[in-house]
PDB file of N, CA and C in Angstrom:
ATOM      1  N   MET A   1       0.008 -13.821  -8.317  1.00  0.00           N
ATOM      2  CA  MET A   1       0.859 -14.229  -7.974  1.00  0.00           C
ATOM      3  C   MET A   1       1.370 -13.550  -6.665  1.00  0.00           C
ATOM      4  N   VAL A   2       2.112 -12.405  -7.460  1.00  0.00           N
ATOM      5  CA  VAL A   2       2.699 -11.500  -6.297  1.00  0.00           C
ATOM      6  C   VAL A   2       2.424 -11.184  -5.318  1.00  0.00           C
ATOM      7  N   GLY A   3       1.515 -10.724  -5.177  1.00  0.00           N
ATOM      8  CA  GLY A   3       0.788 -10.194  -3.973  1.00  0.00           C
ATOM      9  C   GLY A   3       0.414 -11.580  -2.999  1.00  0.00           C
ATOM     10  N   GLY A   4       0.352 -12.264  -3.049  1.00  0.00           N
ATOM     11  CA  GLY A   4       0.642 -13.648  -2.402  1.00  0.00           C
ATOM     12  C   GLY A   4       1.562 -14.141  -1.480  1.00  0.00           C
ATOM     13  N   TYR A   5       2.735 -13.988  -2.681  1.00  0.00           N
ATOM     14  CA  TYR A   5       4.065 -14.064  -2.255  1.00  0.00           C
ATOM     15  C   TYR A   5       4.389 -13.197  -1.229  1.00  0.00           C
ATOM     16  N   LEU A   6       3.799 -11.765  -1.360  1.00  0.00           N
ATOM     17  CA  LEU A   6       4.382 -10.752  -0.162  1.00  0.00           C
ATOM     18  C   LEU A   6       3.376 -11.226   1.005  1.00  0.00           C
ATOM     19  N   GLU A   7       2.835 -11.367   0.602  1.00  0.00           N
ATOM     20  CA  GLU A   7       1.591 -11.677   2.516  1.00  0.00           C
ATOM     21  C   GLU A   7       2.307 -13.222   2.970  1.00  0.00           C
ATOM     22  N   ASN A   8       3.123 -13.859   1.968  1.00  0.00           N
ATOM     23  CA  ASN A   8       3.383 -15.059   2.789  1.00  0.00           C
ATOM     24  C   ASN A   8       4.964 -14.039   3.199  1.00  0.00           C
ATOM     25  N   GLY A   9       5.472 -13.462   3.660  1.00  0.00           N
ATOM     26  CA  GLY A   9       7.172 -13.120   3.372  1.00  0.00           C
ATOM     27  C   GLY A   9       8.036 -13.810   2.578  1.00  0.00           C
ATOM     28  N   MET A  10       7.360 -14.488   1.340  1.00  0.00           N
ATOM     29  CA  MET A  10       8.043 -14.882   0.641  1.00  0.00           C
ATOM     30  C   MET A  10       8.885 -13.334  -0.771  1.00  0.00           C
ATOM     31  N   THR A  11       9.384 -12.653  -0.141  1.00  0.00           N
ATOM     32  CA  THR A  11       9.750 -11.562  -1.043  1.00  0.00           C
ATOM     33  C   THR A  11      10.097 -11.731  -2.261  1.00  0.00           C
ATOM     34  N   GLU A  12      11.733 -12.612  -2.532  1.00  0.00           N
ATOM     35  CA  GLU A  12      11.854 -12.894  -2.961  1.00  0.00           C
ATOM     36  C   GLU A  12      11.623 -13.209  -4.033  1.00  0.00           C
ATOM     37  N   GLN A  13      10.690 -14.777  -3.469  1.00  0.00           N
ATOM     38  CA  GLN A  13       9.859 -14.801  -4.951  1.00  0.00           C
ATOM     39  C   GLN A  13       8.965 -13.889  -5.562  1.00  0.00           C
ATOM     40  N   ALA A  14       8.306 -13.024  -4.438  1.00  0.00           N
ATOM     41  CA  ALA A  14       8.008 -11.915  -5.364  1.00  0.00           C
ATOM     42  C   ALA A  14       8.734 -11.403  -6.237  1.00  0.00           C
ATOM     43  N   LEU A  15       9.704 -10.782  -6.026  1.00  0.00           N
ATOM     44  CA  LEU A  15      10.831 -10.339  -6.579  1.00  0.00           C
ATOM     45  C   LEU A  15      10.673 -10.830  -8.148  1.00  0.00           C
ATOM     46  N   HIS A  16      11.231 -12.316  -7.995  1.00  0.00           N
ATOM     47  CA  HIS A  16      11.869 -12.762  -8.845  1.00  0.00           C
ATOM     48  C   HIS A  16      10.043 -13.456 -10.077  1.00  0.00           C
ATOM     49  N   GLY A  17       8.618 -13.188  -9.317  1.00  0.00           N
ATOM     50  CA  GLY A  17       7.787 -12.847 -10.516  1.00  0.00           C
ATOM     51  C   GLY A  17       7.366 -12.449 -11.108  1.00  0.00           C
ATOM     52  N   PHE A  18       8.200 -10.963 -10.586  1.00  0.00           N
ATOM     53  CA  PHE A  18       7.555  -9.537 -11.009  1.00  0.00           C
ATOM     54  C   PHE A  18       8.961  -9.720 -12.394  1.00  0.00           C
ATOM     55  N   ARG A  19      10.049  -9.541 -12.005  1.00  0.00           N
ATOM     56  CA  ARG A  19      10.918  -9.758 -13.207  1.00  0.00           C
ATOM     57  C   ARG A  19      10.289 -10.825 -14.173  1.00  0.00           C
ATOM     58  N   ASN A  20       9.677 -12.428 -13.983  1.00  0.00           N
ATOM     59  CA  ASN A  20       9.729 -12.795 -15.462  1.00  0.00           C
ATOM     60  C   ASN A  20       8.656 -12.270 -15.842  1.00  0.00           C
ATOM     61  N   MET A  21       7.691 -11.469 -15.034  1.00  0.00           N
ATOM     62  CA  MET A  21       6.076 -11.115 -15.846  1.00  0.00           C
ATOM     63  C   MET A  21       7.285 -10.069 -17.063  1.00  0.00           C
ATOM     64  N   TRP A  22       7.799  -9.816 -16.515  1.00  0.00           N
ATOM     65  CA  TRP A  22       8.420  -8.733 -17.896  1.00  0.00           C
ATOM     66  C   TRP A  22       9.527  -8.957 -18.511  1.00  0.00           C
ATOM     67  N   ARG A  23      10.604 -10.327 -18.082  1.00  0.00           N
ATOM     68  CA  ARG A  23      11.178 -11.427 -19.602  1.00  0.00           C
ATOM     69  C   ARG A  23       9.993 -11.999 -20.077  1.00  0.00           C
ATOM     70  N   GLU A  24       8.759 -12.343 -19.848  1.00  0.00           N
ATOM     71  CA  GLU A  24       7.518 -12.591 -20.954  1.00  0.00           C
ATOM     72  C   GLU A  24       6.952 -11.796 -21.572  1.00  0.00           C
ATOM     73  N   ASP A  25       7.310 -10.371 -21.451  1.00  0.00           N
ATOM     74  CA  ASP A  25       6.518  -9.721 -21.910  1.00  0.00           C
ATOM     75  C   ASP A  25       5.064  -9.369 -22.278  1.00  0.00           C
ATOM     76  N   MET A  26       5.294  -9.680 -20.426  1.00  0.00           N
ATOM     77  CA  MET A  26       3.229  -9.867 -19.678  1.00  0.00           C
ATOM     78  C   MET A  26       3.350  -8.068 -18.870  1.00  0.00           C
ATOM     79  N   LYS A  27       2.865  -7.225 -19.382  1.00  0.00           N
ATOM     80  CA  LYS A  27       2.706  -5.729 -18.737  1.00  0.00           C
ATOM     81  C   LYS A  27       2.439  -5.702 -17.208  1.00  0.00           C
ATOM     82  N   PRO A  28       2.823  -5.395 -16.226  1.00  0.00           N
ATOM     83  CA  PRO A  28       2.322  -6.161 -14.823  1.00  0.00           C
ATOM     84  C   PRO A  28       1.008  -4.756 -15.084  1.00  0.00           C
ATOM     85  N   ASN A  29       0.080  -5.089 -14.039  1.00  0.00           N
ATOM     86  CA  ASN A  29      -0.961  -3.915 -13.702  1.00  0.00           C
ATOM     87  C   ASN A  29      -0.525  -2.862 -12.793  1.00  0.00           C
ATOM     88  N   GLU A  30      -1.594  -1.919 -12.708  1.00  0.00           N
ATOM     89  CA  GLU A  30      -1.014  -1.305 -11.859  1.00  0.00           C
ATOM     90  C   GLU A  30      -1.028  -2.021 -10.407  1.00  0.00           C
ATOM     91  N   PHE A  31      -2.215  -2.312 -10.395  1.00  0.00           N
ATOM     92  CA  PHE A  31      -2.393  -2.999  -9.142  1.00  0.00           C
ATOM     93  C   PHE A  31      -0.972  -4.013  -8.805  1.00  0.00           C
ATOM     94  N   THR A  32      -0.566  -4.848  -9.771  1.00  0.00           N
ATOM     95  CA  THR A  32       0.778  -5.082  -9.232  1.00  0.00           C
ATOM     96  C   THR A  32       1.770  -4.393  -8.825  1.00  0.00           C
ATOM     97  N   PHE A  33       2.031  -3.818  -9.357  1.00  0.00           N
ATOM     98  CA  PHE A  33       2.673  -2.307  -9.744  1.00  0.00           C
ATOM     99  C   PHE A  33       3.094  -1.955  -7.932  1.00  0.00           C
ATOM    100  N   SER A  34       1.575  -1.173  -7.485  1.00  0.00           N
ATOM    101  CA  SER A  34       1.296  -1.446  -5.905  1.00  0.00           C
ATOM    102  C   SER A  34       1.510  -2.151  -5.085  1.00  0.00           C
ATOM    103  N   THR A  35       1.716  -2.847  -5.269  1.00  0.00           N
ATOM    104  CA  THR A  35       1.583  -4.165  -4.611  1.00  0.00           C
ATOM    105  C   THR A  35       3.416  -3.976  -4.074  1.00  0.00           C
ATOM    106  N   ILE A  36       4.177  -4.629  -5.348  1.00  0.00           N
ATOM    107  CA  ILE A  36       5.204  -4.095  -5.061  1.00  0.00           C
ATOM    108  C   ILE A  36       6.435  -3.075  -4.367  1.00  0.00           C
ATOM    109  N   LEU A  37       5.636  -2.407  -4.630  1.00  0.00           N
ATOM    110  CA  LEU A  37       5.797  -1.213  -4.023  1.00  0.00           C
ATOM    111  C   LEU A  37       5.513  -0.467  -2.803  1.00  0.00           C
ATOM    112  N   THR A  38       4.413  -1.545  -2.590  1.00  0.00           N
ATOM    113  CA  THR A  38       4.689  -1.764  -1.009  1.00  0.00           C
ATOM    114  C   THR A  38       5.239  -1.978  -0.082  1.00  0.00           C
ATOM    115  N   ALA A  39       6.039  -3.285  -0.834  1.00  0.00           N
ATOM    116  CA  ALA A  39       6.775  -4.095  -0.087  1.00  0.00           C
ATOM    117  C   ALA A  39       8.135  -3.451  -0.172  1.00  0.00           C
ATOM    118  N   ALA A  40       8.320  -1.605   0.062  1.00  0.00           N
ATOM    119  CA  ALA A  40       9.538  -1.451   0.397  1.00  0.00           C
ATOM    120  C   ALA A  40       9.415  -1.125   2.182  1.00  0.00           C
ATOM    121  N   PRO A  41      10.489  -1.176   2.149  1.00  0.00           N
ATOM    122  CA  PRO A  41      11.919  -0.847   2.090  1.00  0.00           C
ATOM    123  C   PRO A  41      12.861  -2.718   1.472  1.00  0.00           C
ATOM    124  N   VAL A  42      11.640  -3.183   1.688  1.00  0.00           N
ATOM    125  CA  VAL A  42      12.471  -5.066   1.078  1.00  0.00           C
ATOM    126  C   VAL A  42      13.673  -4.643  -0.177  1.00  0.00           C
ATOM    127  N   LEU A  43      12.479  -3.881  -0.911  1.00  0.00           N
ATOM    128  CA  LEU A  43      12.785  -4.221  -2.476  1.00  0.00           C
ATOM    129  C   LEU A  43      13.039  -2.808  -2.732  1.00  0.00           C
ATOM    130  N   PRO A  44      14.404  -2.425  -4.054  1.00  0.00           N
ATOM    131  CA  PRO A  44      14.669  -0.895  -4.421  1.00  0.00           C
ATOM    132  C   PRO A  44      13.366  -0.679  -5.048  1.00  0.00           C
ATOM    133  N   PRO A  45      12.800   0.150  -4.436  1.00  0.00           N
ATOM    134  CA  PRO A  45      11.552   1.770  -4.503  1.00  0.00           C
ATOM    135  C   PRO A  45      12.236   1.877  -6.138  1.00  0.00           C
ATOM    136  N   SER A  46      13.164   2.363  -6.373  1.00  0.00           N
ATOM    137  CA  SER A  46      13.724   3.242  -7.671  1.00  0.00           C
ATOM    138  C   SER A  46      12.986   2.613  -8.768  1.00  0.00           C
ATOM    139  N   GLN A  47      14.194   1.609  -8.789  1.00  0.00           N
ATOM    140  CA  GLN A  47      14.036   0.678 -10.088  1.00  0.00           C
ATOM    141  C   GLN A  47      11.870   0.300 -10.259  1.00  0.00           C
ATOM    142  N   PHE A  48      11.463   0.358  -9.072  1.00  0.00           N
ATOM    143  CA  PHE A  48       9.904  -0.485  -9.677  1.00  0.00           C
ATOM    144  C   PHE A  48       9.462   1.180 -10.434  1.00  0.00           C
ATOM    145  N   HIS A  49       9.685   2.620  -9.462  1.00  0.00           N
ATOM    146  CA  HIS A  49       8.907   3.576 -10.018  1.00  0.00           C
ATOM    147  C   HIS A  49       9.567   3.645 -11.505  1.00  0.00           C
ATOM    148  N   ALA A  50      10.717   3.772 -11.763  1.00  0.00           N
ATOM    149  CA  ALA A  50      10.612   3.443 -13.554  1.00  0.00           C
ATOM    150  C   ALA A  50      10.371   2.670 -13.946  1.00  0.00           C
ATOM    151  N   GLN A  51      10.087   1.199 -13.659  1.00  0.00           N
ATOM    152  CA  GLN A  51       9.739   0.376 -14.654  1.00  0.00           C
ATOM    153  C   GLN A  51       7.433   0.850 -14.356  1.00  0.00           C
ATOM    154  N   ALA A  52       7.420   1.199 -13.923  1.00  0.00           N
ATOM    155  CA  ALA A  52       6.476   2.139 -13.920  1.00  0.00           C
ATOM    156  C   ALA A  52       5.604   3.127 -14.781  1.00  0.00           C
ATOM    157  N   ILE A  53       7.024   3.965 -15.270  1.00  0.00           N
ATOM    158  CA  ILE A  53       6.455   4.751 -15.604  1.00  0.00           C
ATOM    159  C   ILE A  53       6.764   4.335 -17.308  1.00  0.00           C
ATOM    160  N   LYS A  54       7.653   3.583 -17.460  1.00  0.00           N
ATOM    161  CA  LYS A  54       7.924   2.770 -18.874  1.00  0.00           C
ATOM    162  C   LYS A  54       6.662   2.141 -18.846  1.00  0.00           C
ATOM    163  N   ALA A  55       5.379   1.459 -18.129  1.00  0.00           N
ATOM    164  CA  ALA A  55       4.430   0.377 -18.768  1.00  0.00           C
ATOM    165  C   ALA A  55       3.680   1.670 -18.692  1.00  0.00           C
ATOM    166  N   GLY A  56       3.882   2.870 -18.413  1.00  0.00           N
ATOM    167  CA  GLY A  56       2.339   4.159 -18.638  1.00  0.00           C
ATOM    168  C   GLY A  56       1.783   3.947 -17.225  1.00  0.00           C
ATOM    169  N   TYR A  57       2.498   3.666 -15.771  1.00  0.00           N
ATOM    170  CA  TYR A  57       1.090   3.825 -15.055  1.00  0.00           C
ATOM    171  C   TYR A  57       1.749   5.082 -14.086  1.00  0.00           C
ATOM    172  N   GLU A  58       2.742   6.450 -14.759  1.00  0.00           N
ATOM    173  CA  GLU A  58       2.969   7.282 -13.726  1.00  0.00           C
ATOM    174  C   GLU A  58       1.047   8.041 -13.153  1.00  0.00           C
ATOM    175  N   SER A  59       0.644   8.207 -13.848  1.00  0.00           N
ATOM    176  CA  SER A  59      -0.818   8.994 -13.714  1.00  0.00           C
ATOM    177  C   SER A  59      -1.896   7.890 -12.975  1.00  0.00           C
ATOM    178  N   SER A  60      -1.344   6.961 -12.401  1.00  0.00           N
ATOM    179  CA  SER A  60      -2.323   5.743 -11.402  1.00  0.00           C
ATOM    180  C   SER A  60      -2.223   6.442 -10.392  1.00  0.00           C
ATOM    181  N   PRO A  61      -3.512   6.604 -10.275  1.00  0.00           N
ATOM    182  CA  PRO A  61      -3.711   6.737  -8.280  1.00  0.00           C
ATOM    183  C   PRO A  61      -3.314   5.718  -7.309  1.00  0.00           C
ATOM    184  N   LYS A  62      -3.404   4.961  -7.533  1.00  0.00           N
ATOM    185  CA  LYS A  62      -2.736   3.404  -7.167  1.00  0.00           C
ATOM    186  C   LYS A  62      -1.780   3.494  -7.116  1.00  0.00           C
ATOM    187  N   VAL A  63      -0.991   3.412  -8.283  1.00  0.00           N
ATOM    188  CA  VAL A  63       0.691   3.382  -8.129  1.00  0.00           C
ATOM    189  C   VAL A  63       1.324   4.272  -7.717  1.00  0.00           C
ATOM    190  N   GLY A  64       0.603   5.948  -7.658  1.00  0.00           N
ATOM    191  CA  GLY A  64       1.629   7.382  -7.412  1.00  0.00           C
ATOM    192  C   GLY A  64       0.988   7.729  -6.206  1.00  0.00           C
ATOM    193  N   THR A  65       0.188   6.578  -5.168  1.00  0.00           N
ATOM    194  CA  THR A  65      -0.470   6.398  -3.910  1.00  0.00           C
ATOM    195  C   THR A  65       1.079   5.183  -3.093  1.00  0.00           C
ATOM    196  N   ALA A  66       0.881   4.520  -3.660  1.00  0.00           N
ATOM    197  CA  ALA A  66       1.979   3.630  -3.214  1.00  0.00           C
ATOM    198  C   ALA A  66       3.991   3.912  -3.736  1.00  0.00           C
ATOM    199  N   LEU A  67       4.059   4.847  -4.139  1.00  0.00           N
ATOM    200  CA  LEU A  67       5.318   5.689  -4.516  1.00  0.00           C
ATOM    201  C   LEU A  67       5.008   6.765  -3.211  1.00  0.00           C
ATOM    202  N   LEU A  68       3.719   7.290  -3.001  1.00  0.00           N
ATOM    203  CA  LEU A  68       4.788   8.184  -1.635  1.00  0.00           C
ATOM    204  C   LEU A  68       4.360   7.658  -0.876  1.00  0.00           C
ATOM    205  N   THR A  69       3.308   6.803  -0.478  1.00  0.00           N
ATOM    206  CA  THR A  69       3.800   5.885   1.242  1.00  0.00           C
ATOM    207  C   THR A  69       5.075   5.269   1.109  1.00  0.00           C
ATOM    208  N   GLU A  70       5.678   4.984  -0.133  1.00  0.00           N
ATOM    209  CA  GLU A  70       7.199   4.284   0.535  1.00  0.00           C
ATOM    210  C   GLU A  70       8.514   5.421   0.678  1.00  0.00           C
ATOM    211  N   ASP A  71       7.313   6.503   0.004  1.00  0.00           N
ATOM    212  CA  ASP A  71       8.856   7.408   0.428  1.00  0.00           C
ATOM    213  C   ASP A  71       8.850   8.154   1.750  1.00  0.00           C
ATOM    214  N   VAL A  72       7.326   8.293   1.861  1.00  0.00           N
ATOM    215  CA  VAL A  72       7.421   8.524   3.943  1.00  0.00           C
ATOM    216  C   VAL A  72       7.941   7.833   4.341  1.00  0.00           C
ATOM    217  N   ASN A  73       7.539   5.879   4.359  1.00  0.00           N
ATOM    218  CA  ASN A  73       8.049   5.272   5.005  1.00  0.00           C
ATOM    219  C   ASN A  73       9.897   5.153   4.584  1.00  0.00           C
ATOM    220  N   LYS A  74      11.060   5.629   3.857  1.00  0.00           N
ATOM    221  CA  LYS A  74      11.835   5.227   3.086  1.00  0.00           C
ATOM    222  C   LYS A  74      11.930   6.785   4.944  1.00  0.00           C
ATOM    223  N   VAL A  75      11.000   7.864   4.392  1.00  0.00           N
ATOM    224  CA  VAL A  75      11.732   8.322   5.176  1.00  0.00           C
ATOM    225  C   VAL A  75      11.580   8.747   6.525  1.00  0.00           C
ATOM    226  N   ARG A  76      11.203   8.038   7.088  1.00  0.00           N
ATOM    227  CA  ARG A  76      10.838   7.689   8.576  1.00  0.00           C
ATOM    228  C   ARG A  76      11.696   6.886   9.296  1.00  0.00           C
ATOM    229  N   MET A  77      12.261   5.851   8.340  1.00  0.00           N
ATOM    230  CA  MET A  77      13.311   5.059   8.752  1.00  0.00           C
ATOM    231  C   MET A  77      14.790   6.337   8.655  1.00  0.00           C
ATOM    232  N   GLU A  78      14.843   6.661   7.812  1.00  0.00           N
ATOM    233  CA  GLU A  78      15.968   7.337   8.199  1.00  0.00           C
ATOM    234  C   GLU A  78      16.094   8.790   9.195  1.00  0.00           C
ATOM    235  N   SER A  79      15.077   8.959   9.408  1.00  0.00           N
ATOM    236  CA  SER A  79      14.904   9.391  10.310  1.00  0.00           C
ATOM    237  C   SER A  79      15.562   9.124  12.189  1.00  0.00           C
TER     238      SER A  79
END
């Protein structure tokens, strides 16, 4: 659902859905994390990075790639 919201430009709804998953004790999977991370720079990436670590996805190639991509995009925007 988070990915569907983001694909349709509904960033706030995606963020709300992601937060609700945590509130309802539904652990987002690595695909949800990588999807939400690709929404940067609209969303604060450090918050999602910390949550990915808490969820145990710090070694996930999919999440790691999304984090790296986000970092590169941030550097590009700053320069």
